[in-house]
Amino acid sequence: MKEKTANEMFGELGYTKIYCEDGFFYYKAKNNKTILFNLKNKEWSVYDYDTAEQRGYGNKEFEAILLQEYELGWLN
């Protein structure tokens, strides 16, 4: 069985990947929950797209975040 990529996991959770300039990309859900990856600083954050307030995340989201960190080489 093929293991899923972070992008596939986020997709199953209802997120769409969006690329930005200046070393950022993020996943955005229909409820405006956004998971931003800062490639320069090797950081991620979860927030509301409209209000920029921090948001919580569930276990499945955290698994996808950790896999994304691994795929980016942040955990090596």
N, C-alpha and C. Protein backbone atom coordinates (compact mmCIF):
# COMPACT_ATOMS: atom_id res chain seq x y z
N MET A 1 0.84 -1.19 0.00
CA MET A 1 0.00 0.00 0.00
C MET A 1 0.88 1.25 0.00
N LYS A 2 0.58 2.18 -0.89
CA LYS A 2 1.32 3.43 -0.99
C LYS A 2 0.96 4.37 0.16
N GLU A 3 2.00 4.94 0.78
CA GLU A 3 1.74 5.90 1.84
C GLU A 3 1.32 7.23 1.24
N LYS A 4 0.47 7.94 1.95
CA LYS A 4 -0.04 9.22 1.48
C LYS A 4 1.00 10.31 1.68
N THR A 5 0.93 11.31 0.82
CA THR A 5 1.75 12.51 0.99
C THR A 5 1.01 13.48 1.90
N ALA A 6 1.72 14.47 2.38
CA ALA A 6 1.07 15.50 3.20
C ALA A 6 -0.02 16.21 2.40
N ASN A 7 0.25 16.48 1.14
CA ASN A 7 -0.74 17.15 0.30
C ASN A 7 -2.01 16.31 0.18
N GLU A 8 -1.87 15.00 0.04
CA GLU A 8 -3.04 14.12 -0.03
C GLU A 8 -3.80 14.11 1.29
N MET A 9 -3.04 14.08 2.40
CA MET A 9 -3.69 14.08 3.73
C MET A 9 -4.46 15.37 3.94
N PHE A 10 -3.85 16.50 3.62
CA PHE A 10 -4.55 17.78 3.76
C PHE A 10 -5.77 17.82 2.86
N GLY A 11 -5.66 17.30 1.65
CA GLY A 11 -6.79 17.26 0.72
C GLY A 11 -7.96 16.47 1.30
N GLU A 12 -7.66 15.33 1.92
CA GLU A 12 -8.72 14.53 2.55
C GLU A 12 -9.39 15.26 3.71
N LEU A 13 -8.66 16.17 4.33
CA LEU A 13 -9.20 16.95 5.44
C LEU A 13 -9.92 18.21 4.96
N GLY A 14 -9.98 18.41 3.64
CA GLY A 14 -10.72 19.55 3.09
C GLY A 14 -9.89 20.79 2.83
N TYR A 15 -8.57 20.64 2.81
CA TYR A 15 -7.69 21.78 2.58
C TYR A 15 -7.23 21.84 1.13
N THR A 16 -6.99 23.05 0.65
CA THR A 16 -6.44 23.30 -0.67
C THR A 16 -5.08 23.97 -0.49
N LYS A 17 -4.08 23.51 -1.24
CA LYS A 17 -2.73 24.09 -1.13
C LYS A 17 -2.64 25.31 -2.03
N ILE A 18 -2.09 26.39 -1.47
CA ILE A 18 -1.94 27.65 -2.19
C ILE A 18 -0.50 28.12 -2.02
N TYR A 19 0.16 28.42 -3.13
CA TYR A 19 1.54 28.89 -3.10
C TYR A 19 1.59 30.41 -3.07
N CYS A 20 2.56 30.93 -2.34
CA CYS A 20 2.78 32.37 -2.26
C CYS A 20 4.23 32.65 -2.65
N GLU A 21 4.51 33.90 -2.89
CA GLU A 21 5.89 34.31 -3.14
C GLU A 21 6.61 34.45 -1.80
N ASP A 22 7.89 34.66 -1.86
CA ASP A 22 8.71 34.94 -0.68
C ASP A 22 8.81 33.79 0.30
N GLY A 23 8.77 32.55 -0.19
CA GLY A 23 9.05 31.41 0.68
C GLY A 23 7.93 30.97 1.59
N PHE A 24 6.70 31.13 1.16
CA PHE A 24 5.56 30.70 1.95
C PHE A 24 4.63 29.84 1.09
N PHE A 25 3.94 28.92 1.72
CA PHE A 25 2.76 28.30 1.11
C PHE A 25 1.83 27.94 2.25
N TYR A 26 0.58 27.74 1.92
CA TYR A 26 -0.37 27.42 2.97
C TYR A 26 -1.47 26.51 2.45
N TYR A 27 -2.11 25.85 3.39
CA TYR A 27 -3.29 25.04 3.12
C TYR A 27 -4.48 25.78 3.73
N LYS A 28 -5.55 25.93 2.95
CA LYS A 28 -6.72 26.65 3.43
C LYS A 28 -7.95 25.76 3.31
N ALA A 29 -8.75 25.70 4.38
CA ALA A 29 -9.99 24.93 4.40
C ALA A 29 -11.17 25.85 4.10
N LYS A 30 -12.30 25.25 3.81
CA LYS A 30 -13.50 26.03 3.51
C LYS A 30 -13.96 26.88 4.69
N ASN A 31 -13.62 26.46 5.92
CA ASN A 31 -14.01 27.23 7.10
C ASN A 31 -12.98 28.32 7.43
N ASN A 32 -12.08 28.61 6.48
CA ASN A 32 -11.04 29.63 6.59
C ASN A 32 -9.91 29.27 7.55
N LYS A 33 -9.92 28.05 8.10
CA LYS A 33 -8.76 27.62 8.89
C LYS A 33 -7.59 27.48 7.92
N THR A 34 -6.46 28.05 8.28
CA THR A 34 -5.31 28.10 7.40
C THR A 34 -4.07 27.60 8.14
N ILE A 35 -3.29 26.77 7.45
CA ILE A 35 -2.03 26.27 8.00
C ILE A 35 -0.93 26.79 7.09
N LEU A 36 -0.16 27.73 7.62
CA LEU A 36 0.89 28.42 6.87
C LEU A 36 2.24 27.79 7.15
N PHE A 37 3.02 27.56 6.10
CA PHE A 37 4.39 27.06 6.23
C PHE A 37 5.34 28.15 5.75
N ASN A 38 6.23 28.58 6.65
CA ASN A 38 7.24 29.58 6.34
C ASN A 38 8.53 28.83 6.02
N LEU A 39 8.89 28.78 4.74
CA LEU A 39 10.04 27.98 4.32
C LEU A 39 11.37 28.59 4.74
N LYS A 40 11.43 29.90 4.89
CA LYS A 40 12.68 30.55 5.29
C LYS A 40 13.02 30.26 6.74
N ASN A 41 12.03 30.37 7.62
CA ASN A 41 12.26 30.19 9.06
C ASN A 41 11.96 28.78 9.55
N LYS A 42 11.47 27.92 8.65
CA LYS A 42 11.10 26.55 9.00
C LYS A 42 10.10 26.53 10.16
N GLU A 43 9.03 27.30 9.98
CA GLU A 43 7.98 27.42 10.99
C GLU A 43 6.62 27.20 10.33
N TRP A 44 5.65 26.82 11.13
CA TRP A 44 4.27 26.73 10.66
C TRP A 44 3.36 27.32 11.71
N SER A 45 2.19 27.75 11.28
CA SER A 45 1.20 28.30 12.20
C SER A 45 -0.19 27.98 11.67
N VAL A 46 -1.15 27.95 12.59
CA VAL A 46 -2.55 27.68 12.25
C VAL A 46 -3.36 28.90 12.68
N TYR A 47 -4.11 29.46 11.74
CA TYR A 47 -4.86 30.67 12.06
C TYR A 47 -6.10 30.77 11.18
N ASP A 48 -6.96 31.71 11.51
CA ASP A 48 -8.14 32.00 10.71
C ASP A 48 -7.74 32.97 9.60
N TYR A 49 -8.06 32.63 8.37
CA TYR A 49 -7.65 33.42 7.21
C TYR A 49 -8.19 34.85 7.26
N ASP A 50 -9.42 35.03 7.72
CA ASP A 50 -10.04 36.36 7.71
C ASP A 50 -9.61 37.23 8.88
N THR A 51 -9.47 36.64 10.06
CA THR A 51 -9.18 37.44 11.26
C THR A 51 -7.73 37.37 11.72
N ALA A 52 -6.96 36.42 11.20
CA ALA A 52 -5.56 36.19 11.58
C ALA A 52 -5.42 35.74 13.03
N GLU A 53 -6.53 35.35 13.66
CA GLU A 53 -6.46 34.82 15.03
C GLU A 53 -5.99 33.37 14.99
N GLN A 54 -5.23 32.98 16.02
CA GLN A 54 -4.76 31.61 16.09
C GLN A 54 -5.92 30.65 16.21
N ARG A 55 -5.76 29.46 15.61
CA ARG A 55 -6.77 28.42 15.66
C ARG A 55 -6.12 27.13 16.17
N GLY A 56 -6.93 26.28 16.75
CA GLY A 56 -6.45 24.97 17.17
C GLY A 56 -6.43 24.01 16.00
N TYR A 57 -5.92 22.82 16.23
CA TYR A 57 -5.87 21.81 15.19
C TYR A 57 -6.06 20.43 15.82
N GLY A 58 -6.57 19.51 15.03
CA GLY A 58 -6.83 18.16 15.50
C GLY A 58 -5.67 17.22 15.24
N ASN A 59 -5.82 15.99 15.69
CA ASN A 59 -4.76 14.99 15.54
C ASN A 59 -4.43 14.71 14.08
N LYS A 60 -5.44 14.59 13.24
CA LYS A 60 -5.20 14.31 11.82
C LYS A 60 -4.48 15.48 11.14
N GLU A 61 -4.85 16.70 11.52
CA GLU A 61 -4.16 17.87 10.99
C GLU A 61 -2.71 17.88 11.45
N PHE A 62 -2.48 17.54 12.71
CA PHE A 62 -1.12 17.52 13.24
C PHE A 62 -0.28 16.44 12.53
N GLU A 63 -0.87 15.30 12.25
CA GLU A 63 -0.16 14.26 11.50
C GLU A 63 0.26 14.78 10.13
N ALA A 64 -0.65 15.49 9.45
CA ALA A 64 -0.34 16.04 8.13
C ALA A 64 0.75 17.11 8.23
N ILE A 65 0.70 17.93 9.28
CA ILE A 65 1.72 18.96 9.50
C ILE A 65 3.09 18.31 9.71
N LEU A 66 3.14 17.28 10.55
CA LEU A 66 4.42 16.60 10.79
C LEU A 66 4.96 15.95 9.52
N LEU A 67 4.07 15.35 8.74
CA LEU A 67 4.50 14.75 7.48
C LEU A 67 5.01 15.82 6.52
N GLN A 68 4.35 16.97 6.49
CA GLN A 68 4.82 18.06 5.63
C GLN A 68 6.20 18.53 6.07
N GLU A 69 6.43 18.64 7.39
CA GLU A 69 7.75 19.00 7.90
C GLU A 69 8.80 17.98 7.44
N TYR A 70 8.46 16.71 7.52
CA TYR A 70 9.37 15.65 7.10
C TYR A 70 9.68 15.77 5.60
N GLU A 71 8.63 15.96 4.80
CA GLU A 71 8.82 16.07 3.35
C GLU A 71 9.66 17.30 2.97
N LEU A 72 9.58 18.35 3.77
CA LEU A 72 10.38 19.55 3.52
C LEU A 72 11.82 19.42 4.02
N GLY A 73 12.11 18.34 4.74
CA GLY A 73 13.45 18.12 5.26
C GLY A 73 13.72 18.84 6.56
N TRP A 74 12.68 19.31 7.22
CA TRP A 74 12.85 20.04 8.47
C TRP A 74 13.19 19.13 9.64
N LEU A 75 12.87 17.87 9.55
CA LEU A 75 13.07 16.94 10.68
C LEU A 75 14.32 16.08 10.50
N ASN A 76 15.03 16.27 9.40
CA ASN A 76 16.21 15.44 9.12
C ASN A 76 17.44 15.99 9.80
